[in-house]
Amino acid sequence: FRLMLSSGIVKWRSGCPSWHAFSAMNHHFETQPLPNIGGFFAFHLVKYCSKTACYLVFFLEILIPFLFFGTPLMRLTGAG
């Protein structure tokens, strides 16, 4: 819980313009460690796919960890 939530909050509060413009994932796809062919194609996707990936990162790292405090089904969903 703490690792995921902290990761999302640090990204948002860092003041980095690429996270606030939702373009950081495009940079990540280009420069990720151990790049592979999937990263090449992800980098060349249209810009709204990169923005959608950023929204998904914030959703998964800030909101989903709170499912760990719910019912057993919610915990399994959050862990999945």
Protein backbone atom coordinates (compact mmCIF):
# COMPACT_ATOMS: atom_id res chain seq x y z
CA PHE A 1 0.00 0.00 0.00
CA ARG A 2 2.59 2.51 1.10
CA LEU A 3 4.93 1.90 -1.83
CA MET A 4 2.23 2.22 -4.48
CA LEU A 5 0.55 5.26 -2.93
CA SER A 6 3.87 7.03 -2.31
CA SER A 7 4.97 6.37 -5.87
CA GLY A 8 1.86 8.02 -7.29
CA ILE A 9 1.91 10.97 -4.91
CA VAL A 10 5.61 11.67 -5.52
CA LYS A 11 5.01 11.74 -9.27
CA TRP A 12 2.18 14.22 -8.91
CA ARG A 13 3.78 16.48 -6.28
CA SER A 14 7.22 16.53 -7.91
CA GLY A 15 6.27 19.52 -10.05
CA CYS A 16 7.63 17.78 -13.13
CA PRO A 17 5.95 19.33 -16.16
CA SER A 18 5.84 16.04 -18.04
CA TRP A 19 3.75 14.36 -15.33
CA HIS A 20 1.41 17.34 -15.10
CA ALA A 21 1.03 17.45 -18.90
CA PHE A 22 0.50 13.66 -18.91
CA SER A 23 3.35 13.11 -21.36
CA ALA A 24 5.82 11.34 -19.08
CA MET A 25 4.98 7.87 -20.34
CA ASN A 26 6.08 8.80 -23.84
CA HIS A 27 9.51 9.63 -22.42
CA HIS A 28 9.48 6.40 -20.41
CA PHE A 29 8.73 4.28 -23.46
CA GLU A 30 11.68 5.86 -25.24
CA THR A 31 14.25 5.58 -22.43
CA GLN A 32 13.11 2.65 -20.27
CA PRO A 33 15.73 0.35 -18.84
CA LEU A 34 16.17 -2.82 -20.87
CA PRO A 35 14.23 -1.49 -23.87
CA ASN A 36 12.52 -3.99 -26.11
CA ILE A 37 10.54 -3.94 -29.33
CA GLY A 38 7.31 -3.29 -27.39
CA GLY A 39 8.73 -0.04 -26.05
CA PHE A 40 9.63 1.03 -29.58
CA PHE A 41 6.07 0.56 -30.76
CA ALA A 42 4.60 2.11 -27.61
CA PHE A 43 6.78 5.19 -28.14
CA HIS A 44 5.42 5.59 -31.67
CA LEU A 45 1.77 5.38 -30.64
CA VAL A 46 -0.34 8.49 -31.00
CA LYS A 47 -0.08 11.03 -28.19
CA TYR A 48 -3.47 10.33 -26.63
CA CYS A 49 -2.36 6.74 -25.95
CA SER A 50 0.56 8.13 -23.95
CA LYS A 51 -1.79 10.43 -22.04
CA THR A 52 -4.11 7.51 -21.35
CA ALA A 53 -1.16 5.54 -19.99
CA CYS A 54 -0.35 8.42 -17.61
CA TYR A 55 -3.95 8.55 -16.39
CA LEU A 56 -3.79 4.81 -15.84
CA VAL A 57 -0.53 5.10 -13.86
CA PHE A 58 -2.07 7.67 -11.52
CA PHE A 59 -5.25 5.62 -11.16
CA LEU A 60 -3.34 2.44 -10.37
CA GLU A 61 -0.87 4.06 -7.99
CA ILE A 62 -3.11 6.48 -6.08
CA LEU A 63 -6.63 5.02 -6.04
CA ILE A 64 -6.30 1.24 -6.33
CA PRO A 65 -4.16 0.76 -3.17
CA PHE A 66 -7.15 1.82 -1.05
CA LEU A 67 -8.88 -1.40 -2.13
CA PHE A 68 -6.49 -3.24 0.20
CA PHE A 69 -8.56 -2.00 3.15
CA GLY A 70 -11.83 -3.36 1.80
CA THR A 71 -13.55 -6.72 1.75
CA PRO A 72 -11.65 -9.84 0.69
CA LEU A 73 -13.00 -9.51 -2.86
CA MET A 74 -11.86 -5.89 -3.02
CA ARG A 75 -8.41 -6.93 -1.76
CA LEU A 76 -8.09 -9.58 -4.44
CA THR A 77 -9.19 -7.10 -7.09
CA GLY A 78 -6.68 -4.53 -5.89
CA ALA A 79 -3.87 -7.07 -5.76
CA GLY A 80 -4.74 -8.32 -9.25
